[in-house]
Amino acid sequence: MTGRGGMLPDEFAPGPVNWNELGPGQAAEQWCTLDAWVTWLRRAYGISTLEIPPFWHRHDELVWELSALHQHWLACYGDGASLSAPLQWHRDFREARQRLREWVSACGTAATSDRPTLVPTWPGDQNDGVDAGPDRILTDRDEDFRATVNADVAYRDAVLAATVTTLDEDGA
């Protein structure tokens, strides 16, 4: 991706990204593409860390919002878009910025520290081991991004391997 938004391979043509359905390779590519676009967006528009914090990648709600905004941007600025599509994107961007502020306020991420998003437990829920604890001080955003992506891809690899093993056992 170039500094102005760049062109994407055909497999990343505008369309909804369902992060729950991506394979390991697809996820790695989407993460990197989204990160480059978010970097461009925050610089191009002077976005505050109250709307897009450095550790946005650690929070699903921010990933989903920014991913949707990115795909919308691709559709509105891509070949074949109507001449008024960029205006629509800016109207929707204004609304998305409000949602981003709300997400950031609720999730507890800041310019140099982060904690997991607090998820209320319902009666009967199993504790998934996520303890919010104190805020973590983070000093290297790029290193943290790489570690987060690597962990996500490893998780997807493990799920895929387990699925293949189950299919092999069922088919044997």
N, C-alpha and C. Protein backbone atom coordinates (compact mmCIF):
# COMPACT_ATOMS: atom_id res chain seq x y z
N MET A 1 0.85 -1.17 0.00
CA MET A 1 0.00 0.00 0.00
C MET A 1 0.89 1.23 0.00
N THR A 2 0.54 2.19 -0.79
CA THR A 2 1.31 3.42 -0.83
C THR A 2 0.82 4.39 0.22
N GLY A 3 1.51 5.50 0.35
CA GLY A 3 1.13 6.50 1.34
C GLY A 3 -0.23 7.11 1.09
N ARG A 4 -0.76 6.98 -0.09
CA ARG A 4 -2.06 7.58 -0.41
C ARG A 4 -3.17 6.55 -0.44
N GLY A 5 -2.91 5.37 0.03
CA GLY A 5 -4.00 4.39 0.09
C GLY A 5 -3.72 3.18 -0.77
N GLY A 6 -3.04 3.35 -1.90
CA GLY A 6 -2.57 2.26 -2.73
C GLY A 6 -3.63 1.37 -3.33
N MET A 7 -3.17 0.49 -4.18
CA MET A 7 -4.03 -0.49 -4.82
C MET A 7 -3.86 -1.82 -4.10
N LEU A 8 -4.88 -2.63 -4.14
CA LEU A 8 -4.85 -3.91 -3.46
C LEU A 8 -4.99 -5.03 -4.48
N PRO A 9 -4.46 -6.21 -4.15
CA PRO A 9 -4.66 -7.36 -5.03
C PRO A 9 -6.15 -7.67 -5.14
N ASP A 10 -6.52 -8.41 -6.20
CA ASP A 10 -7.93 -8.72 -6.45
C ASP A 10 -8.62 -9.37 -5.26
N GLU A 11 -7.89 -10.21 -4.50
CA GLU A 11 -8.54 -10.89 -3.39
C GLU A 11 -8.95 -9.92 -2.28
N PHE A 12 -8.49 -8.67 -2.35
CA PHE A 12 -8.87 -7.68 -1.37
C PHE A 12 -9.76 -6.60 -1.98
N ALA A 13 -10.51 -6.99 -3.02
CA ALA A 13 -11.47 -6.05 -3.59
C ALA A 13 -12.45 -5.68 -2.47
N PRO A 14 -13.02 -4.47 -2.54
CA PRO A 14 -13.93 -4.05 -1.47
C PRO A 14 -15.04 -5.06 -1.22
N GLY A 15 -15.28 -5.31 0.00
CA GLY A 15 -16.33 -6.22 0.43
C GLY A 15 -16.15 -6.45 1.92
N PRO A 16 -17.18 -6.87 2.59
CA PRO A 16 -17.07 -7.08 4.03
C PRO A 16 -15.98 -8.09 4.36
N VAL A 17 -15.24 -7.82 5.43
CA VAL A 17 -14.24 -8.75 5.93
C VAL A 17 -14.81 -9.37 7.19
N ASN A 18 -15.00 -10.68 7.13
CA ASN A 18 -15.47 -11.40 8.32
C ASN A 18 -14.24 -12.01 8.98
N TRP A 19 -13.74 -11.33 10.00
CA TRP A 19 -12.52 -11.77 10.68
C TRP A 19 -12.68 -13.16 11.28
N ASN A 20 -13.91 -13.57 11.58
CA ASN A 20 -14.15 -14.90 12.15
C ASN A 20 -13.93 -16.02 11.14
N GLU A 21 -13.96 -15.69 9.86
CA GLU A 21 -13.89 -16.70 8.82
C GLU A 21 -12.56 -16.74 8.08
N LEU A 22 -11.62 -15.87 8.40
CA LEU A 22 -10.36 -15.81 7.67
C LEU A 22 -9.43 -16.95 8.06
N GLY A 23 -8.77 -17.52 7.06
CA GLY A 23 -7.72 -18.50 7.32
C GLY A 23 -6.45 -17.78 7.76
N PRO A 24 -5.45 -18.53 8.17
CA PRO A 24 -4.22 -17.92 8.67
C PRO A 24 -3.56 -16.95 7.69
N GLY A 25 -3.39 -17.36 6.45
CA GLY A 25 -2.75 -16.49 5.45
C GLY A 25 -3.59 -15.26 5.13
N GLN A 26 -4.89 -15.47 4.99
CA GLN A 26 -5.78 -14.34 4.73
C GLN A 26 -5.74 -13.34 5.87
N ALA A 27 -5.75 -13.84 7.09
CA ALA A 27 -5.73 -12.96 8.27
C ALA A 27 -4.45 -12.15 8.30
N ALA A 28 -3.31 -12.79 8.05
CA ALA A 28 -2.03 -12.08 8.07
C ALA A 28 -2.03 -10.94 7.04
N GLU A 29 -2.54 -11.23 5.85
CA GLU A 29 -2.59 -10.20 4.81
C GLU A 29 -3.56 -9.09 5.17
N GLN A 30 -4.72 -9.44 5.71
CA GLN A 30 -5.70 -8.43 6.09
C GLN A 30 -5.15 -7.55 7.21
N TRP A 31 -4.49 -8.17 8.21
CA TRP A 31 -3.91 -7.39 9.30
C TRP A 31 -2.94 -6.35 8.75
N CYS A 32 -2.04 -6.79 7.88
CA CYS A 32 -1.01 -5.87 7.37
C CYS A 32 -1.62 -4.77 6.51
N THR A 33 -2.58 -5.14 5.69
CA THR A 33 -3.25 -4.15 4.84
C THR A 33 -4.01 -3.14 5.69
N LEU A 34 -4.74 -3.63 6.69
CA LEU A 34 -5.50 -2.74 7.56
C LEU A 34 -4.56 -1.83 8.35
N ASP A 35 -3.48 -2.38 8.86
CA ASP A 35 -2.54 -1.57 9.63
C ASP A 35 -1.96 -0.43 8.78
N ALA A 36 -1.59 -0.74 7.55
CA ALA A 36 -1.04 0.30 6.67
C ALA A 36 -2.09 1.37 6.40
N TRP A 37 -3.34 0.96 6.19
CA TRP A 37 -4.40 1.93 5.91
C TRP A 37 -4.70 2.78 7.14
N VAL A 38 -4.76 2.15 8.31
CA VAL A 38 -5.02 2.91 9.54
C VAL A 38 -3.90 3.92 9.78
N THR A 39 -2.67 3.53 9.52
CA THR A 39 -1.54 4.45 9.66
C THR A 39 -1.72 5.63 8.73
N TRP A 40 -2.08 5.35 7.48
CA TRP A 40 -2.32 6.43 6.51
C TRP A 40 -3.47 7.32 6.99
N LEU A 41 -4.58 6.70 7.42
CA LEU A 41 -5.77 7.44 7.83
C LEU A 41 -5.47 8.39 8.98
N ARG A 42 -4.83 7.90 10.01
CA ARG A 42 -4.58 8.74 11.19
C ARG A 42 -3.64 9.89 10.85
N ARG A 43 -2.70 9.66 9.94
CA ARG A 43 -1.80 10.74 9.54
C ARG A 43 -2.49 11.72 8.60
N ALA A 44 -3.23 11.21 7.65
CA ALA A 44 -3.90 12.07 6.66
C ALA A 44 -4.94 12.98 7.31
N TYR A 45 -5.62 12.48 8.35
CA TYR A 45 -6.70 13.23 8.97
C TYR A 45 -6.34 13.75 10.36
N GLY A 46 -5.12 13.53 10.81
CA GLY A 46 -4.72 14.01 12.14
C GLY A 46 -5.59 13.44 13.25
N ILE A 47 -5.82 12.15 13.21
CA ILE A 47 -6.74 11.50 14.15
C ILE A 47 -6.11 11.38 15.53
N SER A 48 -6.83 11.77 16.53
CA SER A 48 -6.40 11.71 17.93
C SER A 48 -6.32 10.26 18.42
N THR A 49 -5.46 10.03 19.40
CA THR A 49 -5.40 8.71 20.03
C THR A 49 -6.67 8.40 20.81
N LEU A 50 -7.52 9.39 21.00
CA LEU A 50 -8.82 9.14 21.63
C LEU A 50 -9.79 8.49 20.65
N GLU A 51 -9.44 8.51 19.36
CA GLU A 51 -10.26 7.86 18.33
C GLU A 51 -9.58 6.62 17.76
N ILE A 52 -8.30 6.72 17.50
CA ILE A 52 -7.53 5.56 17.04
C ILE A 52 -6.25 5.51 17.88
N PRO A 53 -6.28 4.70 18.93
CA PRO A 53 -5.09 4.59 19.78
C PRO A 53 -4.05 3.68 19.13
N PRO A 54 -2.80 3.79 19.55
CA PRO A 54 -1.74 2.98 18.95
C PRO A 54 -1.98 1.47 19.03
N PHE A 55 -2.69 1.03 20.06
CA PHE A 55 -2.88 -0.40 20.27
C PHE A 55 -4.29 -0.85 19.89
N TRP A 56 -4.86 -0.20 18.88
CA TRP A 56 -6.19 -0.54 18.39
C TRP A 56 -6.29 -2.02 18.03
N HIS A 57 -5.19 -2.60 17.56
CA HIS A 57 -5.19 -3.99 17.10
C HIS A 57 -5.45 -5.00 18.22
N ARG A 58 -5.40 -4.57 19.47
CA ARG A 58 -5.64 -5.46 20.60
C ARG A 58 -7.13 -5.53 20.97
N HIS A 59 -7.98 -4.80 20.28
CA HIS A 59 -9.39 -4.69 20.66
C HIS A 59 -10.29 -5.01 19.48
N ASP A 60 -11.02 -6.11 19.61
CA ASP A 60 -11.88 -6.56 18.51
C ASP A 60 -12.83 -5.47 18.03
N GLU A 61 -13.41 -4.73 18.96
CA GLU A 61 -14.38 -3.71 18.56
C GLU A 61 -13.75 -2.65 17.67
N LEU A 62 -12.49 -2.32 17.91
CA LEU A 62 -11.80 -1.34 17.08
C LEU A 62 -11.38 -1.96 15.75
N VAL A 63 -10.96 -3.22 15.78
CA VAL A 63 -10.57 -3.91 14.54
C VAL A 63 -11.76 -3.99 13.59
N TRP A 64 -12.92 -4.40 14.12
CA TRP A 64 -14.10 -4.53 13.28
C TRP A 64 -14.54 -3.17 12.72
N GLU A 65 -14.54 -2.14 13.55
CA GLU A 65 -14.95 -0.80 13.09
C GLU A 65 -13.99 -0.28 12.03
N LEU A 66 -12.70 -0.36 12.29
CA LEU A 66 -11.71 0.16 11.34
C LEU A 66 -11.70 -0.66 10.05
N SER A 67 -11.90 -1.96 10.17
CA SER A 67 -11.95 -2.81 8.99
C SER A 67 -13.14 -2.44 8.10
N ALA A 68 -14.29 -2.23 8.71
CA ALA A 68 -15.48 -1.84 7.94
C ALA A 68 -15.26 -0.47 7.29
N LEU A 69 -14.66 0.43 8.02
CA LEU A 69 -14.38 1.76 7.48
C LEU A 69 -13.40 1.68 6.32
N HIS A 70 -12.42 0.83 6.44
CA HIS A 70 -11.44 0.63 5.36
C HIS A 70 -12.11 0.09 4.10
N GLN A 71 -12.94 -0.94 4.27
CA GLN A 71 -13.62 -1.52 3.10
C GLN A 71 -14.55 -0.50 2.45
N HIS A 72 -15.19 0.30 3.26
CA HIS A 72 -16.07 1.35 2.74
C HIS A 72 -15.25 2.37 1.96
N TRP A 73 -14.09 2.72 2.48
CA TRP A 73 -13.20 3.66 1.79
C TRP A 73 -12.77 3.10 0.44
N LEU A 74 -12.40 1.81 0.42
CA LEU A 74 -12.00 1.17 -0.84
C LEU A 74 -13.13 1.23 -1.88
N ALA A 75 -14.35 0.97 -1.43
CA ALA A 75 -15.48 1.00 -2.35
C ALA A 75 -15.76 2.41 -2.85
N CYS A 76 -15.61 3.40 -1.99
CA CYS A 76 -15.93 4.78 -2.36
C CYS A 76 -14.84 5.46 -3.18
N TYR A 77 -13.63 4.96 -3.10
CA TYR A 77 -12.53 5.57 -3.85
C TYR A 77 -12.00 4.66 -4.95
N GLY A 78 -12.60 3.51 -5.13
CA GLY A 78 -12.14 2.57 -6.14
C GLY A 78 -12.70 2.86 -7.52
N ASP A 79 -12.17 2.13 -8.48
CA ASP A 79 -12.67 2.25 -9.86
C ASP A 79 -14.16 1.97 -9.89
N GLY A 80 -14.88 2.76 -10.63
CA GLY A 80 -16.31 2.58 -10.78
C GLY A 80 -17.16 3.24 -9.71
N ALA A 81 -16.54 3.83 -8.71
CA ALA A 81 -17.31 4.50 -7.66
C ALA A 81 -17.95 5.76 -8.24
N SER A 82 -19.11 6.10 -7.73
CA SER A 82 -19.77 7.32 -8.20
C SER A 82 -18.98 8.54 -7.75
N LEU A 83 -19.22 9.65 -8.42
CA LEU A 83 -18.50 10.88 -8.08
C LEU A 83 -18.85 11.39 -6.69
N SER A 84 -20.01 11.02 -6.19
CA SER A 84 -20.41 11.47 -4.86
C SER A 84 -20.03 10.47 -3.75
N ALA A 85 -19.48 9.33 -4.12
CA ALA A 85 -19.14 8.31 -3.12
C ALA A 85 -18.16 8.83 -2.06
N PRO A 86 -17.13 9.61 -2.44
CA PRO A 86 -16.24 10.12 -1.39
C PRO A 86 -16.95 11.00 -0.37
N LEU A 87 -17.96 11.74 -0.81
CA LEU A 87 -18.73 12.56 0.14
C LEU A 87 -19.50 11.66 1.11
N GLN A 88 -20.05 10.57 0.58
CA GLN A 88 -20.75 9.63 1.45
C GLN A 88 -19.78 9.02 2.44
N TRP A 89 -18.57 8.67 1.97
CA TRP A 89 -17.58 8.11 2.89
C TRP A 89 -17.29 9.09 4.01
N HIS A 90 -17.14 10.36 3.70
CA HIS A 90 -16.83 11.35 4.74
C HIS A 90 -17.99 11.52 5.72
N ARG A 91 -19.24 11.42 5.24
CA ARG A 91 -20.38 11.47 6.15
C ARG A 91 -20.34 10.26 7.10
N ASP A 92 -20.08 9.09 6.54
CA ASP A 92 -20.02 7.88 7.34
C ASP A 92 -18.79 7.89 8.26
N PHE A 93 -17.70 8.47 7.80
CA PHE A 93 -16.49 8.59 8.60
C PHE A 93 -16.74 9.44 9.84
N ARG A 94 -17.51 10.51 9.68
CA ARG A 94 -17.85 11.36 10.81
C ARG A 94 -18.60 10.54 11.88
N GLU A 95 -19.55 9.72 11.45
CA GLU A 95 -20.28 8.87 12.39
C GLU A 95 -19.36 7.82 13.01
N ALA A 96 -18.48 7.25 12.20
CA ALA A 96 -17.56 6.22 12.69
C ALA A 96 -16.61 6.80 13.73
N ARG A 97 -16.20 8.05 13.55
CA ARG A 97 -15.30 8.67 14.53
C ARG A 97 -15.97 8.77 15.90
N GLN A 98 -17.25 9.04 15.92
CA GLN A 98 -17.97 9.08 17.20
C GLN A 98 -17.99 7.69 17.83
N ARG A 99 -18.27 6.67 17.02
CA ARG A 99 -18.27 5.30 17.56
C ARG A 99 -16.87 4.92 18.05
N LEU A 100 -15.84 5.31 17.30
CA LEU A 100 -14.47 5.01 17.72
C LEU A 100 -14.16 5.63 19.08
N ARG A 101 -14.58 6.88 19.27
CA ARG A 101 -14.37 7.53 20.58
C ARG A 101 -15.06 6.74 21.69
N GLU A 102 -16.27 6.28 21.41
CA GLU A 102 -17.01 5.51 22.41
C GLU A 102 -16.32 4.18 22.70
N TRP A 103 -15.86 3.48 21.64
CA TRP A 103 -15.17 2.21 21.82
C TRP A 103 -13.89 2.41 22.63
N VAL A 104 -13.11 3.42 22.26
CA VAL A 104 -11.84 3.67 22.95
C VAL A 104 -12.09 4.00 24.41
N SER A 105 -13.08 4.82 24.67
CA SER A 105 -13.40 5.18 26.05
C SER A 105 -13.78 3.94 26.87
N ALA A 106 -14.53 3.04 26.27
CA ALA A 106 -14.99 1.85 26.98
C ALA A 106 -13.92 0.78 27.13
N CYS A 107 -13.02 0.68 26.16
CA CYS A 107 -12.10 -0.46 26.18
C CYS A 107 -10.84 -0.23 27.00
N GLY A 108 -10.48 0.99 27.30
CA GLY A 108 -9.37 1.23 28.20
C GLY A 108 -8.00 1.31 27.57
N THR A 109 -7.94 1.46 26.27
CA THR A 109 -6.64 1.61 25.64
C THR A 109 -6.30 3.10 25.57
N ALA A 110 -5.03 3.41 25.63
CA ALA A 110 -4.59 4.80 25.62
C ALA A 110 -3.32 4.91 24.78
N ALA A 111 -2.69 6.06 24.80
CA ALA A 111 -1.53 6.31 23.95
C ALA A 111 -0.34 5.40 24.29
N THR A 112 -0.12 5.10 25.56
CA THR A 112 1.05 4.30 25.93
C THR A 112 0.72 3.12 26.83
N SER A 113 -0.54 2.90 27.11
CA SER A 113 -0.91 1.76 27.96
C SER A 113 -2.16 1.10 27.41
N ASP A 114 -2.39 -0.12 27.89
CA ASP A 114 -3.51 -0.88 27.37
C ASP A 114 -3.94 -1.90 28.40
N ARG A 115 -5.20 -2.24 28.37
CA ARG A 115 -5.73 -3.36 29.14
C ARG A 115 -6.78 -4.03 28.28
N PRO A 116 -7.04 -5.31 28.51
CA PRO A 116 -8.07 -5.98 27.72
C PRO A 116 -9.44 -5.31 27.92
N THR A 117 -10.25 -5.36 26.90
CA THR A 117 -11.61 -4.87 27.01
C THR A 117 -12.34 -5.67 28.08
N LEU A 118 -13.01 -4.97 28.98
CA LEU A 118 -13.78 -5.65 30.02
C LEU A 118 -15.05 -6.23 29.41
N VAL A 119 -15.27 -7.51 29.62
CA VAL A 119 -16.45 -8.19 29.11
C VAL A 119 -17.26 -8.65 30.30
N PRO A 120 -18.47 -8.12 30.46
CA PRO A 120 -19.30 -8.54 31.59
C PRO A 120 -19.58 -10.05 31.53
N THR A 121 -19.52 -10.68 32.69
CA THR A 121 -19.80 -12.11 32.79
C THR A 121 -21.29 -12.29 33.07
N TRP A 122 -21.89 -13.18 32.34
CA TRP A 122 -23.29 -13.52 32.57
C TRP A 122 -23.35 -14.76 33.47
N PRO A 123 -24.47 -14.91 34.17
CA PRO A 123 -24.61 -16.11 35.00
C PRO A 123 -24.41 -17.37 34.17
N GLY A 124 -23.54 -18.25 34.66
CA GLY A 124 -23.26 -19.50 33.95
C GLY A 124 -22.09 -19.43 32.99
N ASP A 125 -21.58 -18.21 32.71
CA ASP A 125 -20.42 -18.08 31.83
C ASP A 125 -19.19 -18.70 32.48
N GLN A 126 -18.38 -19.29 31.67
CA GLN A 126 -17.09 -19.79 32.13
C GLN A 126 -16.10 -18.63 32.10
N ASN A 127 -15.28 -18.50 33.12
CA ASN A 127 -14.23 -17.48 33.12
C ASN A 127 -13.19 -17.91 32.11
N ASP A 128 -12.97 -17.09 31.10
CA ASP A 128 -12.04 -17.46 30.03
C ASP A 128 -10.59 -17.13 30.39
N GLY A 129 -10.34 -16.80 31.63
CA GLY A 129 -8.98 -16.53 32.06
C GLY A 129 -8.49 -15.13 31.78
N VAL A 130 -9.33 -14.28 31.20
CA VAL A 130 -8.91 -12.92 30.92
C VAL A 130 -9.15 -12.08 32.16
N ASP A 131 -8.08 -11.64 32.75
CA ASP A 131 -8.16 -10.79 33.93
C ASP A 131 -7.66 -9.42 33.51
N ALA A 132 -8.50 -8.42 33.63
CA ALA A 132 -8.11 -7.10 33.17
C ALA A 132 -6.85 -6.62 33.88
N GLY A 133 -6.80 -6.80 35.18
CA GLY A 133 -5.61 -6.38 35.92
C GLY A 133 -5.25 -4.93 35.66
N PRO A 134 -4.03 -4.56 36.02
CA PRO A 134 -3.60 -3.17 35.79
C PRO A 134 -3.29 -2.94 34.31
N ASP A 135 -3.27 -1.68 33.92
CA ASP A 135 -2.91 -1.35 32.55
C ASP A 135 -1.48 -1.80 32.29
N ARG A 136 -1.25 -2.30 31.08
CA ARG A 136 0.10 -2.66 30.67
C ARG A 136 0.72 -1.45 29.98
N ILE A 137 1.95 -1.15 30.33
CA ILE A 137 2.67 -0.07 29.67
C ILE A 137 3.33 -0.67 28.43
N LEU A 138 3.06 -0.08 27.29
CA LEU A 138 3.58 -0.59 26.03
C LEU A 138 4.46 0.48 25.39
N THR A 139 5.64 0.08 24.99
CA THR A 139 6.59 1.07 24.47
C THR A 139 6.87 0.93 22.98
N ASP A 140 6.66 -0.24 22.41
CA ASP A 140 6.96 -0.44 20.99
C ASP A 140 5.72 -0.92 20.27
N ARG A 141 5.02 0.00 19.67
CA ARG A 141 3.75 -0.30 19.03
C ARG A 141 3.92 -1.29 17.88
N ASP A 142 4.94 -1.12 17.04
CA ASP A 142 5.13 -2.01 15.90
C ASP A 142 5.45 -3.44 16.35
N GLU A 143 6.27 -3.56 17.37
CA GLU A 143 6.60 -4.89 17.91
C GLU A 143 5.34 -5.55 18.47
N ASP A 144 4.53 -4.77 19.18
CA ASP A 144 3.29 -5.30 19.74
C ASP A 144 2.34 -5.72 18.63
N PHE A 145 2.26 -4.93 17.56
CA PHE A 145 1.40 -5.29 16.43
C PHE A 145 1.85 -6.62 15.84
N ARG A 146 3.15 -6.77 15.58
CA ARG A 146 3.67 -8.02 15.01
C ARG A 146 3.36 -9.20 15.92
N ALA A 147 3.55 -9.03 17.22
CA ALA A 147 3.27 -10.11 18.17
C ALA A 147 1.78 -10.47 18.16
N THR A 148 0.92 -9.48 18.09
CA THR A 148 -0.52 -9.72 18.06
C THR A 148 -0.91 -10.48 16.79
N VAL A 149 -0.38 -10.06 15.66
CA VAL A 149 -0.68 -10.73 14.39
C VAL A 149 -0.14 -12.16 14.42
N ASN A 150 1.08 -12.34 14.88
CA ASN A 150 1.66 -13.68 14.95
C ASN A 150 0.84 -14.60 15.85
N ALA A 151 0.37 -14.08 16.97
CA ALA A 151 -0.47 -14.88 17.87
C ALA A 151 -1.80 -15.23 17.21
N ASP A 152 -2.39 -14.29 16.51
CA ASP A 152 -3.65 -14.54 15.82
C ASP A 152 -3.47 -15.59 14.73
N VAL A 153 -2.42 -15.47 13.94
CA VAL A 153 -2.16 -16.43 12.87
C VAL A 153 -1.87 -17.82 13.45
N ALA A 154 -1.11 -17.88 14.53
CA ALA A 154 -0.82 -19.17 15.18
C ALA A 154 -2.11 -19.81 15.69
N TYR A 155 -3.00 -19.01 16.26
CA TYR A 155 -4.28 -19.52 16.73
C TYR A 155 -5.09 -20.08 15.56
N ARG A 156 -5.13 -19.32 14.46
CA ARG A 156 -5.88 -19.78 13.28
C ARG A 156 -5.26 -21.06 12.71
N ASP A 157 -3.92 -21.15 12.72
CA ASP A 157 -3.24 -22.37 12.27
C ASP A 157 -3.65 -23.55 13.13
N ALA A 158 -3.69 -23.35 14.44
CA ALA A 158 -4.05 -24.43 15.36
C ALA A 158 -5.50 -24.88 15.14
N VAL A 159 -6.39 -23.93 14.95
CA VAL A 159 -7.79 -24.27 14.69
C VAL A 159 -7.90 -25.04 13.38
N LEU A 160 -7.20 -24.59 12.36
CA LEU A 160 -7.23 -25.27 11.07
C LEU A 160 -6.66 -26.69 11.19
N ALA A 161 -5.54 -26.83 11.91
CA ALA A 161 -4.94 -28.16 12.09
C ALA A 161 -5.89 -29.09 12.85
N ALA A 162 -6.55 -28.57 13.87
CA ALA A 162 -7.50 -29.38 14.64
C ALA A 162 -8.68 -29.80 13.77
N THR A 163 -9.12 -28.90 12.92
CA THR A 163 -10.23 -29.21 12.02
C THR A 163 -9.82 -30.29 11.02
N VAL A 164 -8.63 -30.18 10.46
CA VAL A 164 -8.14 -31.17 9.50
C VAL A 164 -7.98 -32.53 10.18
N THR A 165 -7.46 -32.52 11.40
CA THR A 165 -7.29 -33.78 12.16
C THR A 165 -8.65 -34.43 12.40
N THR A 166 -9.63 -33.63 12.80
CA THR A 166 -10.97 -34.15 13.03
C THR A 166 -11.56 -34.71 11.76
N LEU A 167 -11.40 -34.02 10.64
CA LEU A 167 -11.91 -34.51 9.36
C LEU A 167 -11.22 -35.81 8.96
N ASP A 168 -9.89 -35.87 9.18
CA ASP A 168 -9.15 -37.10 8.86
C ASP A 168 -9.64 -38.27 9.71
N GLU A 169 -9.87 -38.02 10.99
CA GLU A 169 -10.35 -39.09 11.88
C GLU A 169 -11.75 -39.52 11.50
N ASP A 170 -12.61 -38.59 11.13
CA ASP A 170 -13.97 -38.91 10.74
C ASP A 170 -14.02 -39.66 9.41
N GLY A 171 -13.09 -39.33 8.52
CA GLY A 171 -13.08 -39.94 7.19
C GLY A 171 -12.36 -41.28 7.15
N ALA A 172 -11.65 -41.63 8.24
CA ALA A 172 -10.87 -42.87 8.23
C ALA A 172 -11.70 -44.09 8.48
